[in-house]
Amino acid sequence: MEVKIGVIYTAKELVVDMADDADSVRGAIEGALSGSQPVLWLTDDNGRRVGVPTDKIAYVELGSEESTHPVGFGRGR
């Protein structure tokens, strides 16, 4: 699943591809944003850890668990 995080004072968003299900990711994000954690830590598909200070998070967008990117050279309609 793809997680997009908007960070305050930054034009680009962070994109993290995760193997976890949407409910566990959402729970981790809600827990961090509730004020109990100063940093939101996420682990991507390759095992890399990404930390974002929770007071700098502008928004979080959770993508679908299925791949939405077409594969191949054909045009999607």
PDB file of N, CA and C in Angstrom:
ATOM      1  N   MET A   1       0.835  -1.167   0.000  1.00  0.00           N
ATOM      2  CA  MET A   1       0.000   0.000   0.000  1.00  0.00           C
ATOM      3  C   MET A   1       0.881   1.232   0.000  1.00  0.00           C
ATOM      4  N   GLU A   2       0.424   2.277  -0.606  1.00  0.00           N
ATOM      5  CA  GLU A   2       1.179   3.510  -0.716  1.00  0.00           C
ATOM      6  C   GLU A   2       0.682   4.519   0.313  1.00  0.00           C
ATOM      7  N   VAL A   3       1.612   5.127   1.043  1.00  0.00           N
ATOM      8  CA  VAL A   3       1.294   6.151   2.038  1.00  0.00           C
ATOM      9  C   VAL A   3       1.981   7.430   1.598  1.00  0.00           C
ATOM     10  N   LYS A   4       1.205   8.505   1.451  1.00  0.00           N
ATOM     11  CA  LYS A   4       1.753   9.815   1.105  1.00  0.00           C
ATOM     12  C   LYS A   4       1.612  10.716   2.321  1.00  0.00           C
ATOM     13  N   ILE A   5       2.706  11.393   2.671  1.00  0.00           N
ATOM     14  CA  ILE A   5       2.715  12.263   3.835  1.00  0.00           C
ATOM     15  C   ILE A   5       3.153  13.647   3.393  1.00  0.00           C
ATOM     16  N   GLY A   6       2.302  14.628   3.632  1.00  0.00           N
ATOM     17  CA  GLY A   6       2.647  16.014   3.371  1.00  0.00           C
ATOM     18  C   GLY A   6       3.326  16.592   4.599  1.00  0.00           C
ATOM     19  N   VAL A   7       4.452  17.273   4.392  1.00  0.00           N
ATOM     20  CA  VAL A   7       5.220  17.834   5.489  1.00  0.00           C
ATOM     21  C   VAL A   7       5.172  19.357   5.389  1.00  0.00           C
ATOM     22  N   ILE A   8       4.963  20.008   6.534  1.00  0.00           N
ATOM     23  CA  ILE A   8       4.884  21.466   6.591  1.00  0.00           C
ATOM     24  C   ILE A   8       6.198  22.071   6.098  1.00  0.00           C
ATOM     25  N   TYR A   9       6.101  23.164   5.342  1.00  0.00           N
ATOM     26  CA  TYR A   9       7.237  23.917   4.805  1.00  0.00           C
ATOM     27  C   TYR A   9       8.026  23.145   3.748  1.00  0.00           C
ATOM     28  N   THR A  10       7.441  22.101   3.183  1.00  0.00           N
ATOM     29  CA  THR A  10       8.099  21.324   2.137  1.00  0.00           C
ATOM     30  C   THR A  10       7.155  21.175   0.951  1.00  0.00           C
ATOM     31  N   ALA A  11       7.647  21.457  -0.230  1.00  0.00           N
ATOM     32  CA  ALA A  11       6.796  21.385  -1.420  1.00  0.00           C
ATOM     33  C   ALA A  11       6.509  19.946  -1.845  1.00  0.00           C
ATOM     34  N   LYS A  12       7.441  19.037  -1.588  1.00  0.00           N
ATOM     35  CA  LYS A  12       7.261  17.645  -1.997  1.00  0.00           C
ATOM     36  C   LYS A  12       6.664  16.845  -0.855  1.00  0.00           C
ATOM     37  N   GLU A  13       5.969  15.777  -1.224  1.00  0.00           N
ATOM     38  CA  GLU A  13       5.422  14.878  -0.223  1.00  0.00           C
ATOM     39  C   GLU A  13       6.278  13.623  -0.133  1.00  0.00           C
ATOM     40  N   LEU A  14       6.254  12.977   1.013  1.00  0.00           N
ATOM     41  CA  LEU A  14       6.948  11.705   1.185  1.00  0.00           C
ATOM     42  C   LEU A  14       6.040  10.595   0.717  1.00  0.00           C
ATOM     43  N   VAL A  15       6.575   9.642  -0.034  1.00  0.00           N
ATOM     44  CA  VAL A  15       5.805   8.491  -0.497  1.00  0.00           C
ATOM     45  C   VAL A  15       6.508   7.239   0.007  1.00  0.00           C
ATOM     46  N   VAL A  16       5.776   6.420   0.771  1.00  0.00           N
ATOM     47  CA  VAL A  16       6.332   5.197   1.336  1.00  0.00           C
ATOM     48  C   VAL A  16       5.455   4.038   0.882  1.00  0.00           C
ATOM     49  N   ASP A  17       6.055   3.043   0.222  1.00  0.00           N
ATOM     50  CA  ASP A  17       5.345   1.823  -0.179  1.00  0.00           C
ATOM     51  C   ASP A  17       5.496   0.803   0.933  1.00  0.00           C
ATOM     52  N   MET A  18       4.364   0.352   1.465  1.00  0.00           N
ATOM     53  CA  MET A  18       4.389  -0.545   2.615  1.00  0.00           C
ATOM     54  C   MET A  18       3.662  -1.837   2.307  1.00  0.00           C
ATOM     55  N   ALA A  19       4.096  -2.911   2.958  1.00  0.00           N
ATOM     56  CA  ALA A  19       3.458  -4.212   2.787  1.00  0.00           C
ATOM     57  C   ALA A  19       2.358  -4.438   3.825  1.00  0.00           C
ATOM     58  N   ASP A  20       2.284  -3.586   4.839  1.00  0.00           N
ATOM     59  CA  ASP A  20       1.285  -3.738   5.901  1.00  0.00           C
ATOM     60  C   ASP A  20      -0.118  -3.455   5.379  1.00  0.00           C
ATOM     61  N   ASP A  21      -1.121  -3.954   6.101  1.00  0.00           N
ATOM     62  CA  ASP A  21      -2.498  -3.698   5.700  1.00  0.00           C
ATOM     63  C   ASP A  21      -2.915  -2.302   6.148  1.00  0.00           C
ATOM     64  N   ALA A  22      -3.978  -1.795   5.553  1.00  0.00           N
ATOM     65  CA  ALA A  22      -4.412  -0.418   5.776  1.00  0.00           C
ATOM     66  C   ALA A  22      -4.790  -0.151   7.230  1.00  0.00           C
ATOM     67  N   ASP A  23      -5.411  -1.108   7.903  1.00  0.00           N
ATOM     68  CA  ASP A  23      -5.847  -0.886   9.283  1.00  0.00           C
ATOM     69  C   ASP A  23      -4.663  -0.721  10.228  1.00  0.00           C
ATOM     70  N   SER A  24      -3.617  -1.509  10.074  1.00  0.00           N
ATOM     71  CA  SER A  24      -2.462  -1.380  10.963  1.00  0.00           C
ATOM     72  C   SER A  24      -1.699  -0.086  10.689  1.00  0.00           C
ATOM     73  N   VAL A  25      -1.603   0.313   9.434  1.00  0.00           N
ATOM     74  CA  VAL A  25      -0.936   1.572   9.095  1.00  0.00           C
ATOM     75  C   VAL A  25      -1.730   2.747   9.644  1.00  0.00           C
ATOM     76  N   ARG A  26      -3.036   2.707   9.451  1.00  0.00           N
ATOM     77  CA  ARG A  26      -3.887   3.783   9.969  1.00  0.00           C
ATOM     78  C   ARG A  26      -3.793   3.877  11.489  1.00  0.00           C
ATOM     79  N   GLY A  27      -3.760   2.744  12.170  1.00  0.00           N
ATOM     80  CA  GLY A  27      -3.629   2.738  13.620  1.00  0.00           C
ATOM     81  C   GLY A  27      -2.318   3.343  14.086  1.00  0.00           C
ATOM     82  N   ALA A  28      -1.226   3.029  13.387  1.00  0.00           N
ATOM     83  CA  ALA A  28       0.078   3.589  13.733  1.00  0.00           C
ATOM     84  C   ALA A  28       0.099   5.107  13.528  1.00  0.00           C
ATOM     85  N   ILE A  29      -0.521   5.556  12.441  1.00  0.00           N
ATOM     86  CA  ILE A  29      -0.559   6.988  12.151  1.00  0.00           C
ATOM     87  C   ILE A  29      -1.420   7.715  13.170  1.00  0.00           C
ATOM     88  N   GLU A  30      -2.590   7.179  13.477  1.00  0.00           N
ATOM     89  CA  GLU A  30      -3.461   7.811  14.463  1.00  0.00           C
ATOM     90  C   GLU A  30      -2.808   7.848  15.841  1.00  0.00           C
ATOM     91  N   GLY A  31      -2.098   6.783  16.194  1.00  0.00           N
ATOM     92  CA  GLY A  31      -1.405   6.758  17.478  1.00  0.00           C
ATOM     93  C   GLY A  31      -0.337   7.830  17.578  1.00  0.00           C
ATOM     94  N   ALA A  32       0.414   8.011  16.499  1.00  0.00           N
ATOM     95  CA  ALA A  32       1.466   9.024  16.502  1.00  0.00           C
ATOM     96  C   ALA A  32       0.887  10.435  16.524  1.00  0.00           C
ATOM     97  N   LEU A  33      -0.195  10.642  15.784  1.00  0.00           N
ATOM     98  CA  LEU A  33      -0.771  11.989  15.711  1.00  0.00           C
ATOM     99  C   LEU A  33      -1.592  12.355  16.942  1.00  0.00           C
ATOM    100  N   SER A  34      -1.913  11.388  17.772  1.00  0.00           N
ATOM    101  CA  SER A  34      -2.686  11.688  18.985  1.00  0.00           C
ATOM    102  C   SER A  34      -1.840  12.392  20.031  1.00  0.00           C
ATOM    103  N   GLY A  35      -0.540  12.508  19.784  1.00  0.00           N
ATOM    104  CA  GLY A  35       0.332  13.215  20.705  1.00  0.00           C
ATOM    105  C   GLY A  35       1.146  12.299  21.586  1.00  0.00           C
ATOM    106  N   SER A  36       0.975  11.001  21.423  1.00  0.00           N
ATOM    107  CA  SER A  36       1.705  10.066  22.275  1.00  0.00           C
ATOM    108  C   SER A  36       3.130   9.817  21.788  1.00  0.00           C
ATOM    109  N   GLN A  37       3.414  10.136  20.521  1.00  0.00           N
ATOM    110  CA  GLN A  37       4.747   9.899  19.958  1.00  0.00           C
ATOM    111  C   GLN A  37       5.238  11.160  19.255  1.00  0.00           C
ATOM    112  N   PRO A  38       6.490  11.547  19.475  1.00  0.00           N
ATOM    113  CA  PRO A  38       7.009  12.737  18.797  1.00  0.00           C
ATOM    114  C   PRO A  38       7.376  12.487  17.335  1.00  0.00           C
ATOM    115  N   VAL A  39       7.589  11.212  16.966  1.00  0.00           N
ATOM    116  CA  VAL A  39       7.992  10.868  15.595  1.00  0.00           C
ATOM    117  C   VAL A  39       7.141   9.708  15.095  1.00  0.00           C
ATOM    118  N   LEU A  40       6.640   9.830  13.871  1.00  0.00           N
ATOM    119  CA  LEU A  40       5.936   8.740  13.205  1.00  0.00           C
ATOM    120  C   LEU A  40       6.978   7.923  12.456  1.00  0.00           C
ATOM    121  N   TRP A  41       7.128   6.642  12.819  1.00  0.00           N
ATOM    122  CA  TRP A  41       8.078   5.744  12.168  1.00  0.00           C
ATOM    123  C   TRP A  41       7.309   4.749  11.310  1.00  0.00           C
ATOM    124  N   LEU A  42       7.685   4.659  10.028  1.00  0.00           N
ATOM    125  CA  LEU A  42       7.106   3.696   9.097  1.00  0.00           C
ATOM    126  C   LEU A  42       8.236   2.888   8.470  1.00  0.00           C
ATOM    127  N   THR A  43       7.967   1.622   8.172  1.00  0.00           N
ATOM    128  CA  THR A  43       8.950   0.755   7.528  1.00  0.00           C
ATOM    129  C   THR A  43       8.426   0.383   6.148  1.00  0.00           C
ATOM    130  N   ASP A  44       9.236   0.634   5.105  1.00  0.00           N
ATOM    131  CA  ASP A  44       8.785   0.370   3.741  1.00  0.00           C
ATOM    132  C   ASP A  44       8.991  -1.093   3.359  1.00  0.00           C
ATOM    133  N   ASP A  45       8.664  -1.414   2.110  1.00  0.00           N
ATOM    134  CA  ASP A  45       8.764  -2.787   1.595  1.00  0.00           C
ATOM    135  C   ASP A  45      10.180  -3.348   1.676  1.00  0.00           C
ATOM    136  N   ASN A  46      11.186  -2.489   1.587  1.00  0.00           N
ATOM    137  CA  ASN A  46      12.578  -2.931   1.576  1.00  0.00           C
ATOM    138  C   ASN A  46      13.206  -2.950   2.973  1.00  0.00           C
ATOM    139  N   GLY A  47      12.427  -2.655   3.999  1.00  0.00           N
ATOM    140  CA  GLY A  47      12.939  -2.672   5.361  1.00  0.00           C
ATOM    141  C   GLY A  47      13.546  -1.362   5.829  1.00  0.00           C
ATOM    142  N   ARG A  48      13.512  -0.335   4.991  1.00  0.00           N
ATOM    143  CA  ARG A  48      14.032   0.972   5.397  1.00  0.00           C
ATOM    144  C   ARG A  48      13.024   1.654   6.306  1.00  0.00           C
ATOM    145  N   ARG A  49      13.521   2.364   7.312  1.00  0.00           N
ATOM    146  CA  ARG A  49      12.637   3.069   8.242  1.00  0.00           C
ATOM    147  C   ARG A  49      12.639   4.558   7.919  1.00  0.00           C
ATOM    148  N   VAL A  50      11.452   5.147   7.927  1.00  0.00           N
ATOM    149  CA  VAL A  50      11.273   6.562   7.647  1.00  0.00           C
ATOM    150  C   VAL A  50      10.644   7.187   8.875  1.00  0.00           C
ATOM    151  N   GLY A  51      11.244   8.250   9.380  1.00  0.00           N
ATOM    152  CA  GLY A  51      10.714   8.945  10.545  1.00  0.00           C
ATOM    153  C   GLY A  51      10.327  10.362  10.188  1.00  0.00           C
ATOM    154  N   VAL A  52       9.130  10.781  10.617  1.00  0.00           N
ATOM    155  CA  VAL A  52       8.639  12.127  10.355  1.00  0.00           C
ATOM    156  C   VAL A  52       8.182  12.723  11.686  1.00  0.00           C
ATOM    157  N   PRO A  53       8.670  13.904  12.056  1.00  0.00           N
ATOM    158  CA  PRO A  53       8.183  14.528  13.284  1.00  0.00           C
ATOM    159  C   PRO A  53       6.680  14.797  13.175  1.00  0.00           C
ATOM    160  N   THR A  54       5.920  14.357  14.157  1.00  0.00           N
ATOM    161  CA  THR A  54       4.461  14.454  14.062  1.00  0.00           C
ATOM    162  C   THR A  54       3.967  15.889  14.051  1.00  0.00           C
ATOM    163  N   ASP A  55       4.708  16.818  14.639  1.00  0.00           N
ATOM    164  CA  ASP A  55       4.263  18.211  14.627  1.00  0.00           C
ATOM    165  C   ASP A  55       4.490  18.884  13.279  1.00  0.00           C
ATOM    166  N   LYS A  56       5.158  18.202  12.345  1.00  0.00           N
ATOM    167  CA  LYS A  56       5.406  18.746  10.999  1.00  0.00           C
ATOM    168  C   LYS A  56       4.535  18.094   9.933  1.00  0.00           C
ATOM    169  N   ILE A  57       3.654  17.169  10.306  1.00  0.00           N
ATOM    170  CA  ILE A  57       2.807  16.483   9.334  1.00  0.00           C
ATOM    171  C   ILE A  57       1.616  17.370   8.978  1.00  0.00           C
ATOM    172  N   ALA A  58       1.449  17.642   7.685  1.00  0.00           N
ATOM    173  CA  ALA A  58       0.326  18.445   7.210  1.00  0.00           C
ATOM    174  C   ALA A  58      -0.869  17.560   6.871  1.00  0.00           C
ATOM    175  N   TYR A  59      -0.622  16.420   6.212  1.00  0.00           N
ATOM    176  CA  TYR A  59      -1.688  15.484   5.859  1.00  0.00           C
ATOM    177  C   TYR A  59      -1.094  14.115   5.600  1.00  0.00           C
ATOM    178  N   VAL A  60      -1.952  13.108   5.649  1.00  0.00           N
ATOM    179  CA  VAL A  60      -1.561  11.731   5.335  1.00  0.00           C
ATOM    180  C   VAL A  60      -2.609  11.156   4.398  1.00  0.00           C
ATOM    181  N   GLU A  61      -2.161  10.556   3.305  1.00  0.00           N
ATOM    182  CA  GLU A  61      -3.063   9.936   2.335  1.00  0.00           C
ATOM    183  C   GLU A  61      -2.710   8.463   2.224  1.00  0.00           C
ATOM    184  N   LEU A  62      -3.684   7.605   2.481  1.00  0.00           N
ATOM    185  CA  LEU A  62      -3.483   6.164   2.365  1.00  0.00           C
ATOM    186  C   LEU A  62      -4.028   5.699   1.025  1.00  0.00           C
ATOM    187  N   GLY A  63      -3.186   5.026   0.246  1.00  0.00           N
ATOM    188  CA  GLY A  63      -3.609   4.486  -1.037  1.00  0.00           C
ATOM    189  C   GLY A  63      -4.246   3.133  -0.848  1.00  0.00           C
ATOM    190  N   SER A  64      -4.717   2.569  -1.934  1.00  0.00           N
ATOM    191  CA  SER A  64      -5.335   1.248  -1.864  1.00  0.00           C
ATOM    192  C   SER A  64      -4.258   0.182  -1.715  1.00  0.00           C
ATOM    193  N   GLU A  65      -4.658  -0.980  -1.227  1.00  0.00           N
ATOM    194  CA  GLU A  65      -3.721  -2.074  -1.044  1.00  0.00           C
ATOM    195  C   GLU A  65      -3.394  -2.753  -2.367  1.00  0.00           C
ATOM    196  N   GLU A  66      -4.235  -2.558  -3.367  1.00  0.00           N
ATOM    197  CA  GLU A  66      -3.998  -3.137  -4.688  1.00  0.00           C
ATOM    198  C   GLU A  66      -3.175  -2.172  -5.513  1.00  0.00           C
ATOM    199  N   SER A  67      -2.420  -2.715  -6.439  1.00  0.00           N
ATOM    200  CA  SER A  67      -1.618  -1.875  -7.314  1.00  0.00           C
ATOM    201  C   SER A  67      -2.534  -1.108  -8.262  1.00  0.00           C
ATOM    202  N   THR A  68      -2.369   0.201  -8.333  1.00  0.00           N
ATOM    203  CA  THR A  68      -3.176   1.029  -9.225  1.00  0.00           C
ATOM    204  C   THR A  68      -2.383   1.479 -10.441  1.00  0.00           C
ATOM    205  N   HIS A  69      -1.127   1.061 -10.519  1.00  0.00           N
ATOM    206  CA  HIS A  69      -0.293   1.465 -11.635  1.00  0.00           C
ATOM    207  C   HIS A  69      -0.330   0.383 -12.710  1.00  0.00           C
ATOM    208  N   PRO A  70      -0.715   0.753 -13.929  1.00  0.00           N
ATOM    209  CA  PRO A  70      -0.747  -0.247 -15.001  1.00  0.00           C
ATOM    210  C   PRO A  70       0.659  -0.678 -15.385  1.00  0.00           C
ATOM    211  N   VAL A  71       0.770  -1.889 -15.858  1.00  0.00           N
ATOM    212  CA  VAL A  71       2.040  -2.445 -16.283  1.00  0.00           C
ATOM    213  C   VAL A  71       1.978  -2.663 -17.787  1.00  0.00           C
ATOM    214  N   GLY A  72       3.010  -2.281 -18.499  1.00  0.00           N
ATOM    215  CA  GLY A  72       3.054  -2.474 -19.930  1.00  0.00           C
ATOM    216  C   GLY A  72       3.034  -1.160 -20.679  1.00  0.00           C
ATOM    217  N   PHE A  73       2.853  -1.282 -21.987  1.00  0.00           N
ATOM    218  CA  PHE A  73       2.905  -0.103 -22.832  1.00  0.00           C
ATOM    219  C   PHE A  73       1.538   0.327 -23.341  1.00  0.00           C
ATOM    220  N   GLY A  74       0.488  -0.414 -23.025  1.00  0.00           N
ATOM    221  CA  GLY A  74      -0.834  -0.068 -23.494  1.00  0.00           C
ATOM    222  C   GLY A  74      -1.398   1.145 -22.775  1.00  0.00           C
ATOM    223  N   ARG A  75      -2.353   1.767 -23.391  1.00  0.00           N
ATOM    224  CA  ARG A  75      -2.988   2.920 -22.772  1.00  0.00           C
ATOM    225  C   ARG A  75      -4.227   2.450 -22.033  1.00  0.00           C
ATOM    226  N   GLY A  76      -4.347   2.871 -20.779  1.00  0.00           N
ATOM    227  CA  GLY A  76      -5.522   2.515 -19.990  1.00  0.00           C
ATOM    228  C   GLY A  76      -6.717   3.360 -20.362  1.00  0.00           C
ATOM    229  N   ARG A  77      -7.889   2.770 -20.386  1.00  0.00           N
ATOM    230  CA  ARG A  77      -9.106   3.535 -20.716  1.00  0.00           C
ATOM    231  C   ARG A  77     -10.132   3.298 -19.670  1.00  0.00           C
TER     232      ARG A  77
END
